PDB file of N, CA and C in Angstrom:
ATOM      1  N   MET A   1     -59.984   1.954  41.436  1.00  0.00           N
ATOM      2  CA  MET A   1     -61.163   1.792  42.258  1.00  0.00           C
ATOM      3  C   MET A   1     -62.378   1.795  41.347  1.00  0.00           C
ATOM      4  N   ASN A   2     -63.303   0.864  41.619  1.00  0.00           N
ATOM      5  CA  ASN A   2     -64.480   0.855  40.762  1.00  0.00           C
ATOM      6  C   ASN A   2     -65.367   2.049  41.091  1.00  0.00           C
ATOM      7  N   ILE A   3     -66.134   2.471  40.118  1.00  0.00           N
ATOM      8  CA  ILE A   3     -66.900   3.712  40.207  1.00  0.00           C
ATOM      9  C   ILE A   3     -67.933   3.682  41.334  1.00  0.00           C
ATOM     10  N   SER A   4     -68.541   2.535  41.591  1.00  0.00           N
ATOM     11  CA  SER A   4     -69.548   2.478  42.656  1.00  0.00           C
ATOM     12  C   SER A   4     -68.922   2.700  44.026  1.00  0.00           C
ATOM     13  N   LYS A   5     -67.716   2.154  44.256  1.00  0.00           N
ATOM     14  CA  LYS A   5     -67.020   2.384  45.527  1.00  0.00           C
ATOM     15  C   LYS A   5     -66.632   3.863  45.660  1.00  0.00           C
ATOM     16  N   LYS A   6     -66.160   4.455  44.567  1.00  0.00           N
ATOM     17  CA  LYS A   6     -65.771   5.863  44.597  1.00  0.00           C
ATOM     18  C   LYS A   6     -66.975   6.739  44.930  1.00  0.00           C
ATOM     19  N   ILE A   7     -68.097   6.459  44.335  1.00  0.00           N
ATOM     20  CA  ILE A   7     -69.316   7.221  44.604  1.00  0.00           C
ATOM     21  C   ILE A   7     -69.741   7.040  46.058  1.00  0.00           C
ATOM     22  N   GLU A   8     -69.634   5.813  46.558  1.00  0.00           N
ATOM     23  CA  GLU A   8     -69.984   5.530  47.950  1.00  0.00           C
ATOM     24  C   GLU A   8     -69.099   6.316  48.915  1.00  0.00           C
ATOM     25  N   VAL A   9     -67.794   6.359  48.648  1.00  0.00           N
ATOM     26  CA  VAL A   9     -66.861   7.094  49.502  1.00  0.00           C
ATOM     27  C   VAL A   9     -67.156   8.595  49.437  1.00  0.00           C
ATOM     28  N   GLU A  10     -67.400   9.117  48.253  1.00  0.00           N
ATOM     29  CA  GLU A  10     -67.713  10.538  48.116  1.00  0.00           C
ATOM     30  C   GLU A  10     -69.005  10.900  48.846  1.00  0.00           C
ATOM     31  N   LYS A  11     -70.002  10.058  48.757  1.00  0.00           N
ATOM     32  CA  LYS A  11     -71.267  10.287  49.464  1.00  0.00           C
ATOM     33  C   LYS A  11     -71.042  10.266  50.970  1.00  0.00           C
ATOM     34  N   LEU A  12     -70.255   9.309  51.440  1.00  0.00           N
ATOM     35  CA  LEU A  12     -69.937   9.248  52.866  1.00  0.00           C
ATOM     36  C   LEU A  12     -69.226  10.515  53.324  1.00  0.00           C
ATOM     37  N   HIS A  13     -68.274  10.968  52.539  1.00  0.00           N
ATOM     38  CA  HIS A  13     -67.523  12.167  52.903  1.00  0.00           C
ATOM     39  C   HIS A  13     -68.462  13.360  53.034  1.00  0.00           C
ATOM     40  N   HIS A  14     -69.428  13.441  52.150  1.00  0.00           N
ATOM     41  CA  HIS A  14     -70.407  14.526  52.196  1.00  0.00           C
ATOM     42  C   HIS A  14     -71.360  14.377  53.370  1.00  0.00           C
ATOM     43  N   ASP A  15     -71.894  13.172  53.564  1.00  0.00           N
ATOM     44  CA  ASP A  15     -72.937  12.932  54.569  1.00  0.00           C
ATOM     45  C   ASP A  15     -72.399  12.712  55.982  1.00  0.00           C
ATOM     46  N   ARG A  16     -71.221  12.112  56.101  1.00  0.00           N
ATOM     47  CA  ARG A  16     -70.694  11.714  57.416  1.00  0.00           C
ATOM     48  C   ARG A  16     -69.203  12.017  57.497  1.00  0.00           C
ATOM     49  N   SER A  17     -68.832  13.261  57.417  1.00  0.00           N
ATOM     50  CA  SER A  17     -67.416  13.637  57.385  1.00  0.00           C
ATOM     51  C   SER A  17     -66.661  13.181  58.630  1.00  0.00           C
ATOM     52  N   GLU A  18     -67.372  12.962  59.749  1.00  0.00           N
ATOM     53  CA  GLU A  18     -66.694  12.501  60.969  1.00  0.00           C
ATOM     54  C   GLU A  18     -66.070  11.123  60.797  1.00  0.00           C
ATOM     55  N   LEU A  19     -66.491  10.372  59.792  1.00  0.00           N
ATOM     56  CA  LEU A  19     -65.925   9.041  59.552  1.00  0.00           C
ATOM     57  C   LEU A  19     -64.546   9.104  58.894  1.00  0.00           C
ATOM     58  N   PHE A  20     -64.042  10.292  58.660  1.00  0.00           N
ATOM     59  CA  PHE A  20     -62.735  10.473  58.039  1.00  0.00           C
ATOM     60  C   PHE A  20     -61.699  10.956  59.058  1.00  0.00           C
ATOM     61  N   ASP A  21     -62.066  10.934  60.334  1.00  0.00           N
ATOM     62  CA  ASP A  21     -61.205  11.443  61.396  1.00  0.00           C
ATOM     63  C   ASP A  21     -60.231  10.384  61.901  1.00  0.00           C
ATOM     64  N   LYS A  22     -59.322  10.818  62.769  1.00  0.00           N
ATOM     65  CA  LYS A  22     -58.300   9.939  63.331  1.00  0.00           C
ATOM     66  C   LYS A  22     -58.862   8.903  64.288  1.00  0.00           C
ATOM     67  N   ASP A  23     -60.010   9.152  64.880  1.00  0.00           N
ATOM     68  CA  ASP A  23     -60.559   8.212  65.870  1.00  0.00           C
ATOM     69  C   ASP A  23     -61.577   7.245  65.260  1.00  0.00           C
ATOM     70  N   VAL A  24     -61.324   6.870  64.007  1.00  0.00           N
ATOM     71  CA  VAL A  24     -62.209   5.957  63.277  1.00  0.00           C
ATOM     72  C   VAL A  24     -61.377   4.784  62.747  1.00  0.00           C
ATOM     73  N   LEU A  25     -61.917   3.585  62.903  1.00  0.00           N
ATOM     74  CA  LEU A  25     -61.307   2.387  62.325  1.00  0.00           C
ATOM     75  C   LEU A  25     -62.236   1.852  61.246  1.00  0.00           C
ATOM     76  N   HIS A  26     -61.700   1.696  60.052  1.00  0.00           N
ATOM     77  CA  HIS A  26     -62.446   1.109  58.938  1.00  0.00           C
ATOM     78  C   HIS A  26     -61.961  -0.326  58.770  1.00  0.00           C
ATOM     79  N   ILE A  27     -62.857  -1.272  59.000  1.00  0.00           N
ATOM     80  CA  ILE A  27     -62.525  -2.681  58.810  1.00  0.00           C
ATOM     81  C   ILE A  27     -63.017  -3.064  57.423  1.00  0.00           C
ATOM     82  N   LEU A  28     -62.063  -3.389  56.575  1.00  0.00           N
ATOM     83  CA  LEU A  28     -62.340  -3.645  55.161  1.00  0.00           C
ATOM     84  C   LEU A  28     -62.437  -5.132  54.895  1.00  0.00           C
ATOM     85  N   ASN A  29     -63.184  -5.513  53.871  1.00  0.00           N
ATOM     86  CA  ASN A  29     -63.531  -6.919  53.680  1.00  0.00           C
ATOM     87  C   ASN A  29     -62.381  -7.811  53.220  1.00  0.00           C
ATOM     88  N   GLY A  30     -61.232  -7.267  52.944  1.00  0.00           N
ATOM     89  CA  GLY A  30     -60.107  -8.099  52.540  1.00  0.00           C
ATOM     90  C   GLY A  30     -58.867  -7.285  52.244  1.00  0.00           C
ATOM     91  N   GLN A  31     -57.807  -7.985  51.913  1.00  0.00           N
ATOM     92  CA  GLN A  31     -56.499  -7.373  51.707  1.00  0.00           C
ATOM     93  C   GLN A  31     -56.484  -6.405  50.532  1.00  0.00           C
ATOM     94  N   VAL A  32     -57.148  -6.750  49.431  1.00  0.00           N
ATOM     95  CA  VAL A  32     -57.128  -5.883  48.245  1.00  0.00           C
ATOM     96  C   VAL A  32     -57.811  -4.554  48.549  1.00  0.00           C
ATOM     97  N   MET A  33     -58.970  -4.613  49.182  1.00  0.00           N
ATOM     98  CA  MET A  33     -59.679  -3.388  49.536  1.00  0.00           C
ATOM     99  C   MET A  33     -58.863  -2.574  50.544  1.00  0.00           C
ATOM    100  N   TYR A  34     -58.247  -3.255  51.495  1.00  0.00           N
ATOM    101  CA  TYR A  34     -57.391  -2.593  52.488  1.00  0.00           C
ATOM    102  C   TYR A  34     -56.265  -1.827  51.798  1.00  0.00           C
ATOM    103  N   GLU A  35     -55.574  -2.487  50.893  1.00  0.00           N
ATOM    104  CA  GLU A  35     -54.459  -1.834  50.192  1.00  0.00           C
ATOM    105  C   GLU A  35     -54.941  -0.604  49.434  1.00  0.00           C
ATOM    106  N   GLU A  36     -56.076  -0.717  48.774  1.00  0.00           N
ATOM    107  CA  GLU A  36     -56.608   0.404  48.002  1.00  0.00           C
ATOM    108  C   GLU A  36     -56.967   1.580  48.915  1.00  0.00           C
ATOM    109  N   PHE A  37     -57.679   1.309  49.989  1.00  0.00           N
ATOM    110  CA  PHE A  37     -58.081   2.371  50.905  1.00  0.00           C
ATOM    111  C   PHE A  37     -56.871   3.002  51.591  1.00  0.00           C
ATOM    112  N   LYS A  38     -55.962   2.165  52.059  1.00  0.00           N
ATOM    113  CA  LYS A  38     -54.795   2.673  52.786  1.00  0.00           C
ATOM    114  C   LYS A  38     -53.856   3.454  51.871  1.00  0.00           C
ATOM    115  N   ASN A  39     -53.522   2.889  50.739  1.00  0.00           N
ATOM    116  CA  ASN A  39     -52.587   3.548  49.819  1.00  0.00           C
ATOM    117  C   ASN A  39     -53.124   4.862  49.282  1.00  0.00           C
ATOM    118  N   ASN A  40     -54.437   4.956  49.109  1.00  0.00           N
ATOM    119  CA  ASN A  40     -55.047   6.166  48.566  1.00  0.00           C
ATOM    120  C   ASN A  40     -55.656   7.062  49.644  1.00  0.00           C
ATOM    121  N   ARG A  41     -55.496   6.639  50.915  1.00  0.00           N
ATOM    122  CA  ARG A  41     -56.054   7.398  52.048  1.00  0.00           C
ATOM    123  C   ARG A  41     -57.498   7.818  51.779  1.00  0.00           C
ATOM    124  N   LEU A  42     -58.292   6.858  51.327  1.00  0.00           N
ATOM    125  CA  LEU A  42     -59.660   7.160  50.915  1.00  0.00           C
ATOM    126  C   LEU A  42     -60.537   7.678  52.047  1.00  0.00           C
ATOM    127  N   MET A  43     -60.230   7.299  53.270  1.00  0.00           N
ATOM    128  CA  MET A  43     -61.016   7.760  54.408  1.00  0.00           C
ATOM    129  C   MET A  43     -60.195   8.701  55.286  1.00  0.00           C
ATOM    130  N   GLY A  44     -59.349   9.491  54.653  1.00  0.00           N
ATOM    131  CA  GLY A  44     -58.597  10.528  55.350  1.00  0.00           C
ATOM    132  C   GLY A  44     -57.637   9.984  56.385  1.00  0.00           C
ATOM    133  N   ASP A  45     -57.712  10.543  57.595  1.00  0.00           N
ATOM    134  CA  ASP A  45     -56.768  10.218  58.663  1.00  0.00           C
ATOM    135  C   ASP A  45     -57.180   9.001  59.483  1.00  0.00           C
ATOM    136  N   SER A  46     -58.184   8.281  59.049  1.00  0.00           N
ATOM    137  CA  SER A  46     -58.662   7.108  59.776  1.00  0.00           C
ATOM    138  C   SER A  46     -57.646   5.976  59.741  1.00  0.00           C
ATOM    139  N   ASP A  47     -57.846   5.007  60.639  1.00  0.00           N
ATOM    140  CA  ASP A  47     -57.086   3.759  60.597  1.00  0.00           C
ATOM    141  C   ASP A  47     -57.844   2.748  59.752  1.00  0.00           C
ATOM    142  N   TYR A  48     -57.097   1.810  59.182  1.00  0.00           N
ATOM    143  CA  TYR A  48     -57.673   0.773  58.327  1.00  0.00           C
ATOM    144  C   TYR A  48     -57.190  -0.592  58.793  1.00  0.00           C
ATOM    145  N   ALA A  49     -58.043  -1.587  58.637  1.00  0.00           N
ATOM    146  CA  ALA A  49     -57.647  -2.968  58.936  1.00  0.00           C
ATOM    147  C   ALA A  49     -58.375  -3.893  57.983  1.00  0.00           C
ATOM    148  N   PRO A  50     -57.657  -4.877  57.421  1.00  0.00           N
ATOM    149  CA  PRO A  50     -58.342  -5.855  56.572  1.00  0.00           C
ATOM    150  C   PRO A  50     -58.925  -6.965  57.446  1.00  0.00           C
ATOM    151  N   PHE A  51     -60.106  -7.401  57.091  1.00  0.00           N
ATOM    152  CA  PHE A  51     -60.658  -8.601  57.721  1.00  0.00           C
ATOM    153  C   PHE A  51     -60.539  -9.680  56.671  1.00  0.00           C
ATOM    154  N   ASN A  52     -59.447 -10.392  56.719  1.00  0.00           N
ATOM    155  CA  ASN A  52     -59.063 -11.283  55.636  1.00  0.00           C
ATOM    156  C   ASN A  52     -59.808 -12.606  55.606  1.00  0.00           C
ATOM    157  N   GLU A  53     -60.894 -12.705  56.320  1.00  0.00           N
ATOM    158  CA  GLU A  53     -61.818 -13.819  56.151  1.00  0.00           C
ATOM    159  C   GLU A  53     -63.110 -13.407  56.788  1.00  0.00           C
ATOM    160  N   ALA A  54     -64.135 -13.434  56.006  1.00  0.00           N
ATOM    161  CA  ALA A  54     -65.398 -12.823  56.409  1.00  0.00           C
ATOM    162  C   ALA A  54     -66.324 -13.749  57.188  1.00  0.00           C
ATOM    163  N   MET A  55     -65.860 -14.912  57.593  1.00  0.00           N
ATOM    164  CA  MET A  55     -66.660 -15.861  58.356  1.00  0.00           C
ATOM    165  C   MET A  55     -67.944 -16.256  57.627  1.00  0.00           C
ATOM    166  N   CYS A  56     -67.895 -16.283  56.310  1.00  0.00           N
ATOM    167  CA  CYS A  56     -69.055 -16.682  55.518  1.00  0.00           C
ATOM    168  C   CYS A  56     -69.210 -18.195  55.470  1.00  0.00           C
ATOM    169  N   VAL A  57     -68.121 -18.911  55.599  1.00  0.00           N
ATOM    170  CA  VAL A  57     -68.158 -20.366  55.543  1.00  0.00           C
ATOM    171  C   VAL A  57     -67.346 -20.936  56.699  1.00  0.00           C
ATOM    172  N   ASN A  58     -67.598 -22.174  57.018  1.00  0.00           N
ATOM    173  CA  ASN A  58     -66.912 -22.936  58.070  1.00  0.00           C
ATOM    174  C   ASN A  58     -67.452 -22.593  59.459  1.00  0.00           C
ATOM    175  N   ALA A  59     -67.169 -23.473  60.367  1.00  0.00           N
ATOM    176  CA  ALA A  59     -67.689 -23.368  61.732  1.00  0.00           C
ATOM    177  C   ALA A  59     -67.045 -22.225  62.498  1.00  0.00           C
ATOM    178  N   THR A  60     -67.708 -21.853  63.570  1.00  0.00           N
ATOM    179  CA  THR A  60     -67.186 -20.850  64.501  1.00  0.00           C
ATOM    180  C   THR A  60     -67.737 -21.165  65.884  1.00  0.00           C
ATOM    181  N   ASN A  61     -67.459 -20.312  66.846  1.00  0.00           N
ATOM    182  CA  ASN A  61     -68.032 -20.476  68.171  1.00  0.00           C
ATOM    183  C   ASN A  61     -68.557 -19.133  68.658  1.00  0.00           C
ATOM    184  N   ASP A  62     -69.121 -19.111  69.868  1.00  0.00           N
ATOM    185  CA  ASP A  62     -69.757 -17.897  70.376  1.00  0.00           C
ATOM    186  C   ASP A  62     -68.771 -16.809  70.788  1.00  0.00           C
ATOM    187  N   GLN A  63     -67.598 -17.193  71.243  1.00  0.00           N
ATOM    188  CA  GLN A  63     -66.628 -16.228  71.759  1.00  0.00           C
ATOM    189  C   GLN A  63     -65.619 -15.898  70.667  1.00  0.00           C
ATOM    190  N   ILE A  64     -65.913 -14.886  69.857  1.00  0.00           N
ATOM    191  CA  ILE A  64     -65.031 -14.602  68.729  1.00  0.00           C
ATOM    192  C   ILE A  64     -63.654 -14.144  69.193  1.00  0.00           C
ATOM    193  N   PHE A  65     -62.661 -14.567  68.437  1.00  0.00           N
ATOM    194  CA  PHE A  65     -61.254 -14.231  68.599  1.00  0.00           C
ATOM    195  C   PHE A  65     -60.573 -14.886  69.798  1.00  0.00           C
ATOM    196  N   ASP A  66     -61.260 -15.773  70.524  1.00  0.00           N
ATOM    197  CA  ASP A  66     -60.553 -16.489  71.589  1.00  0.00           C
ATOM    198  C   ASP A  66     -59.789 -17.660  70.975  1.00  0.00           C
ATOM    199  N   LYS A  67     -59.055 -18.389  71.802  1.00  0.00           N
ATOM    200  CA  LYS A  67     -58.202 -19.478  71.313  1.00  0.00           C
ATOM    201  C   LYS A  67     -59.016 -20.541  70.565  1.00  0.00           C
ATOM    202  N   GLU A  68     -60.157 -20.930  71.114  1.00  0.00           N
ATOM    203  CA  GLU A  68     -60.996 -21.941  70.459  1.00  0.00           C
ATOM    204  C   GLU A  68     -61.488 -21.447  69.102  1.00  0.00           C
ATOM    205  N   PHE A  69     -61.915 -20.200  69.053  1.00  0.00           N
ATOM    206  CA  PHE A  69     -62.366 -19.593  67.804  1.00  0.00           C
ATOM    207  C   PHE A  69     -61.264 -19.674  66.747  1.00  0.00           C
ATOM    208  N   ILE A  70     -60.068 -19.265  67.130  1.00  0.00           N
ATOM    209  CA  ILE A  70     -58.938 -19.271  66.192  1.00  0.00           C
ATOM    210  C   ILE A  70     -58.642 -20.686  65.714  1.00  0.00           C
ATOM    211  N   ASN A  71     -58.655 -21.644  66.611  1.00  0.00           N
ATOM    212  CA  ASN A  71     -58.407 -23.038  66.221  1.00  0.00           C
ATOM    213  C   ASN A  71     -59.476 -23.549  65.257  1.00  0.00           C
ATOM    214  N   ILE A  72     -60.732 -23.256  65.541  1.00  0.00           N
ATOM    215  CA  ILE A  72     -61.838 -23.694  64.678  1.00  0.00           C
ATOM    216  C   ILE A  72     -61.732 -23.059  63.298  1.00  0.00           C
ATOM    217  N   ARG A  73     -61.506 -21.760  63.265  1.00  0.00           N
ATOM    218  CA  ARG A  73     -61.444 -21.051  61.982  1.00  0.00           C
ATOM    219  C   ARG A  73     -60.233 -21.495  61.160  1.00  0.00           C
ATOM    220  N   ALA A  74     -59.093 -21.652  61.813  1.00  0.00           N
ATOM    221  CA  ALA A  74     -57.893 -22.097  61.093  1.00  0.00           C
ATOM    222  C   ALA A  74     -58.120 -23.482  60.493  1.00  0.00           C
ATOM    223  N   ALA A  75     -58.685 -24.397  61.277  1.00  0.00           N
ATOM    224  CA  ALA A  75     -58.955 -25.756  60.787  1.00  0.00           C
ATOM    225  C   ALA A  75     -59.925 -25.723  59.618  1.00  0.00           C
ATOM    226  N   GLY A  76     -60.944 -24.896  59.704  1.00  0.00           N
ATOM    227  CA  GLY A  76     -61.929 -24.796  58.623  1.00  0.00           C
ATOM    228  C   GLY A  76     -61.331 -24.319  57.318  1.00  0.00           C
ATOM    229  N   HIS A  77     -60.283 -23.547  57.408  1.00  0.00           N
ATOM    230  CA  HIS A  77     -59.608 -23.033  56.212  1.00  0.00           C
ATOM    231  C   HIS A  77     -58.367 -23.847  55.862  1.00  0.00           C
ATOM    232  N   HIS A  78     -58.176 -24.957  56.560  1.00  0.00           N
ATOM    233  CA  HIS A  78     -57.002 -25.809  56.339  1.00  0.00           C
ATOM    234  C   HIS A  78     -55.713 -24.993  56.421  1.00  0.00           C
ATOM    235  N   GLU A  79     -55.661 -24.176  57.449  1.00  0.00           N
ATOM    236  CA  GLU A  79     -54.557 -23.240  57.657  1.00  0.00           C
ATOM    237  C   GLU A  79     -53.940 -23.532  59.024  1.00  0.00           C
ATOM    238  N   PRO A  80     -52.621 -23.508  59.137  1.00  0.00           N
ATOM    239  CA  PRO A  80     -52.027 -23.630  60.478  1.00  0.00           C
ATOM    240  C   PRO A  80     -52.473 -22.449  61.347  1.00  0.00           C
ATOM    241  N   VAL A  81     -52.603 -22.678  62.627  1.00  0.00           N
ATOM    242  CA  VAL A  81     -53.036 -21.622  63.542  1.00  0.00           C
ATOM    243  C   VAL A  81     -52.157 -20.387  63.401  1.00  0.00           C
ATOM    244  N   GLU A  82     -50.849 -20.580  63.312  1.00  0.00           N
ATOM    245  CA  GLU A  82     -49.927 -19.452  63.193  1.00  0.00           C
ATOM    246  C   GLU A  82     -50.205 -18.638  61.920  1.00  0.00           C
ATOM    247  N   GLY A  83     -50.490 -19.334  60.829  1.00  0.00           N
ATOM    248  CA  GLY A  83     -50.803 -18.652  59.575  1.00  0.00           C
ATOM    249  C   GLY A  83     -52.109 -17.881  59.660  1.00  0.00           C
ATOM    250  N   TYR A  84     -53.101 -18.481  60.322  1.00  0.00           N
ATOM    251  CA  TYR A  84     -54.380 -17.814  60.504  1.00  0.00           C
ATOM    252  C   TYR A  84     -54.199 -16.551  61.352  1.00  0.00           C
ATOM    253  N   ILE A  85     -53.436 -16.657  62.419  1.00  0.00           N
ATOM    254  CA  ILE A  85     -53.186 -15.498  63.283  1.00  0.00           C
ATOM    255  C   ILE A  85     -52.497 -14.392  62.486  1.00  0.00           C
ATOM    256  N   GLU A  86     -51.513 -14.767  61.691  1.00  0.00           N
ATOM    257  CA  GLU A  86     -50.773 -13.785  60.890  1.00  0.00           C
ATOM    258  C   GLU A  86     -51.678 -13.087  59.864  1.00  0.00           C
ATOM    259  N   LYS A  87     -52.547 -13.863  59.200  1.00  0.00           N
ATOM    260  CA  LYS A  87     -53.396 -13.307  58.143  1.00  0.00           C
ATOM    261  C   LYS A  87     -54.617 -12.574  58.667  1.00  0.00           C
ATOM    262  N   VAL A  88     -55.206 -13.061  59.749  1.00  0.00           N
ATOM    263  CA  VAL A  88     -56.502 -12.544  60.188  1.00  0.00           C
ATOM    264  C   VAL A  88     -56.421 -11.755  61.493  1.00  0.00           C
ATOM    265  N   ILE A  89     -55.795 -12.306  62.497  1.00  0.00           N
ATOM    266  CA  ILE A  89     -55.813 -11.702  63.826  1.00  0.00           C
ATOM    267  C   ILE A  89     -54.834 -10.525  63.933  1.00  0.00           C
ATOM    268  N   ALA A  90     -53.601 -10.714  63.505  1.00  0.00           N
ATOM    269  CA  ALA A  90     -52.586  -9.652  63.632  1.00  0.00           C
ATOM    270  C   ALA A  90     -53.002  -8.346  62.945  1.00  0.00           C
ATOM    271  N   PRO A  91     -53.563  -8.382  61.721  1.00  0.00           N
ATOM    272  CA  PRO A  91     -53.976  -7.128  61.091  1.00  0.00           C
ATOM    273  C   PRO A  91     -55.087  -6.384  61.844  1.00  0.00           C
ATOM    274  N   LEU A  92     -55.759  -7.074  62.756  1.00  0.00           N
ATOM    275  CA  LEU A  92     -56.830  -6.442  63.534  1.00  0.00           C
ATOM    276  C   LEU A  92     -56.332  -5.889  64.869  1.00  0.00           C
ATOM    277  N   ALA A  93     -55.029  -5.756  65.045  1.00  0.00           N
ATOM    278  CA  ALA A  93     -54.443  -5.323  66.319  1.00  0.00           C
ATOM    279  C   ALA A  93     -55.065  -4.026  66.832  1.00  0.00           C
ATOM    280  N   ASN A  94     -55.283  -3.057  65.963  1.00  0.00           N
ATOM    281  CA  ASN A  94     -55.871  -1.788  66.418  1.00  0.00           C
ATOM    282  C   ASN A  94     -57.280  -1.983  66.979  1.00  0.00           C
ATOM    283  N   LEU A  95     -58.027  -2.912  66.445  1.00  0.00           N
ATOM    284  CA  LEU A  95     -59.361  -3.202  66.966  1.00  0.00           C
ATOM    285  C   LEU A  95     -59.281  -3.641  68.417  1.00  0.00           C
ATOM    286  N   PHE A  96     -58.277  -4.427  68.739  1.00  0.00           N
ATOM    287  CA  PHE A  96     -58.128  -4.961  70.084  1.00  0.00           C
ATOM    288  C   PHE A  96     -57.424  -4.000  71.041  1.00  0.00           C
ATOM    289  N   ASN A  97     -56.599  -3.093  70.507  1.00  0.00           N
ATOM    290  CA  ASN A  97     -55.703  -2.310  71.353  1.00  0.00           C
ATOM    291  C   ASN A  97     -55.974  -0.814  71.416  1.00  0.00           C
ATOM    292  N   LYS A  98     -56.833  -0.294  70.566  1.00  0.00           N
ATOM    293  CA  LYS A  98     -57.100   1.140  70.550  1.00  0.00           C
ATOM    294  C   LYS A  98     -58.584   1.399  70.759  1.00  0.00           C
ATOM    295  N   GLU A  99     -58.882   2.581  71.249  1.00  0.00           N
ATOM    296  CA  GLU A  99     -60.270   3.022  71.391  1.00  0.00           C
ATOM    297  C   GLU A  99     -60.629   3.889  70.181  1.00  0.00           C
ATOM    298  N   TYR A 100     -61.818   3.698  69.657  1.00  0.00           N
ATOM    299  CA  TYR A 100     -62.278   4.471  68.510  1.00  0.00           C
ATOM    300  C   TYR A 100     -63.651   5.058  68.784  1.00  0.00           C
ATOM    301  N   GLU A 101     -63.885   6.219  68.218  1.00  0.00           N
ATOM    302  CA  GLU A 101     -65.213   6.836  68.271  1.00  0.00           C
ATOM    303  C   GLU A 101     -66.174   6.047  67.381  1.00  0.00           C
ATOM    304  N   TYR A 102     -65.681   5.606  66.223  1.00  0.00           N
ATOM    305  CA  TYR A 102     -66.476   4.834  65.273  1.00  0.00           C
ATOM    306  C   TYR A 102     -65.660   3.664  64.746  1.00  0.00           C
ATOM    307  N   ILE A 103     -66.344   2.575  64.479  1.00  0.00           N
ATOM    308  CA  ILE A 103     -65.781   1.449  63.735  1.00  0.00           C
ATOM    309  C   ILE A 103     -66.735   1.204  62.578  1.00  0.00           C
ATOM    310  N   VAL A 104     -66.207   1.301  61.362  1.00  0.00           N
ATOM    311  CA  VAL A 104     -67.015   1.171  60.151  1.00  0.00           C
ATOM    312  C   VAL A 104     -66.667  -0.141  59.482  1.00  0.00           C
ATOM    313  N   LEU A 105     -67.676  -0.952  59.203  1.00  0.00           N
ATOM    314  CA  LEU A 105     -67.476  -2.237  58.529  1.00  0.00           C
ATOM    315  C   LEU A 105     -67.775  -2.081  57.047  1.00  0.00           C
ATOM    316  N   TRP A 106     -66.834  -2.499  56.224  1.00  0.00           N
ATOM    317  CA  TRP A 106     -66.977  -2.427  54.774  1.00  0.00           C
ATOM    318  C   TRP A 106     -67.109  -3.852  54.227  1.00  0.00           C
ATOM    319  N   PHE A 107     -68.298  -4.396  54.339  1.00  0.00           N
ATOM    320  CA  PHE A 107     -68.584  -5.744  53.855  1.00  0.00           C
ATOM    321  C   PHE A 107     -69.750  -5.667  52.886  1.00  0.00           C
ATOM    322  N   GLY A 108     -69.655  -6.395  51.786  1.00  0.00           N
ATOM    323  CA  GLY A 108     -70.746  -6.436  50.827  1.00  0.00           C
ATOM    324  C   GLY A 108     -71.905  -7.261  51.341  1.00  0.00           C
ATOM    325  N   GLU A 109     -73.032  -7.065  50.741  1.00  0.00           N
ATOM    326  CA  GLU A 109     -74.240  -7.775  51.166  1.00  0.00           C
ATOM    327  C   GLU A 109     -74.116  -9.288  51.019  1.00  0.00           C
ATOM    328  N   THR A 110     -73.247  -9.767  50.161  1.00  0.00           N
ATOM    329  CA  THR A 110     -73.095 -11.209  49.975  1.00  0.00           C
ATOM    330  C   THR A 110     -72.542 -11.893  51.218  1.00  0.00           C
ATOM    331  N   CYS A 111     -71.907 -11.133  52.092  1.00  0.00           N
ATOM    332  CA  CYS A 111     -71.374 -11.707  53.330  1.00  0.00           C
ATOM    333  C   CYS A 111     -72.474 -12.042  54.321  1.00  0.00           C
ATOM    334  N   PHE A 112     -73.656 -11.527  54.095  1.00  0.00           N
ATOM    335  CA  PHE A 112     -74.729 -11.692  55.072  1.00  0.00           C
ATOM    336  C   PHE A 112     -75.930 -12.440  54.524  1.00  0.00           C
ATOM    337  N   VAL A 113     -75.829 -12.945  53.322  1.00  0.00           N
ATOM    338  CA  VAL A 113     -76.929 -13.684  52.690  1.00  0.00           C
ATOM    339  C   VAL A 113     -76.746 -15.167  52.950  1.00  0.00           C
ATOM    340  N   LYS A 114     -77.817 -15.834  53.320  1.00  0.00           N
ATOM    341  CA  LYS A 114     -77.747 -17.289  53.543  1.00  0.00           C
ATOM    342  C   LYS A 114     -77.864 -18.023  52.234  1.00  0.00           C
TER     343      LYS A 114
END
């Protein structure tokens, strides 16, 4: 883990210890970050999910995660719908199926810059 991420996690643990509880979902910016957080239990007893495409490029629609959204996003990535569902939608199952006190997004600032 790079030192800046480690410092960020330690600061969070000190400042917001409730984010390390069982009723928290951490949505991580990709598979590598997900594996690191999950394997090392960096956020304690929380749940983790990778968001394996940050919607930084390609078209989308207003109703996220519906059938049209999935078709548009898969086409934009030149990915079969089934592959897109497997890589992006399936790992987010807890987001759709469980209730959480907190949902924490772990996305870098580059995901939000035009």
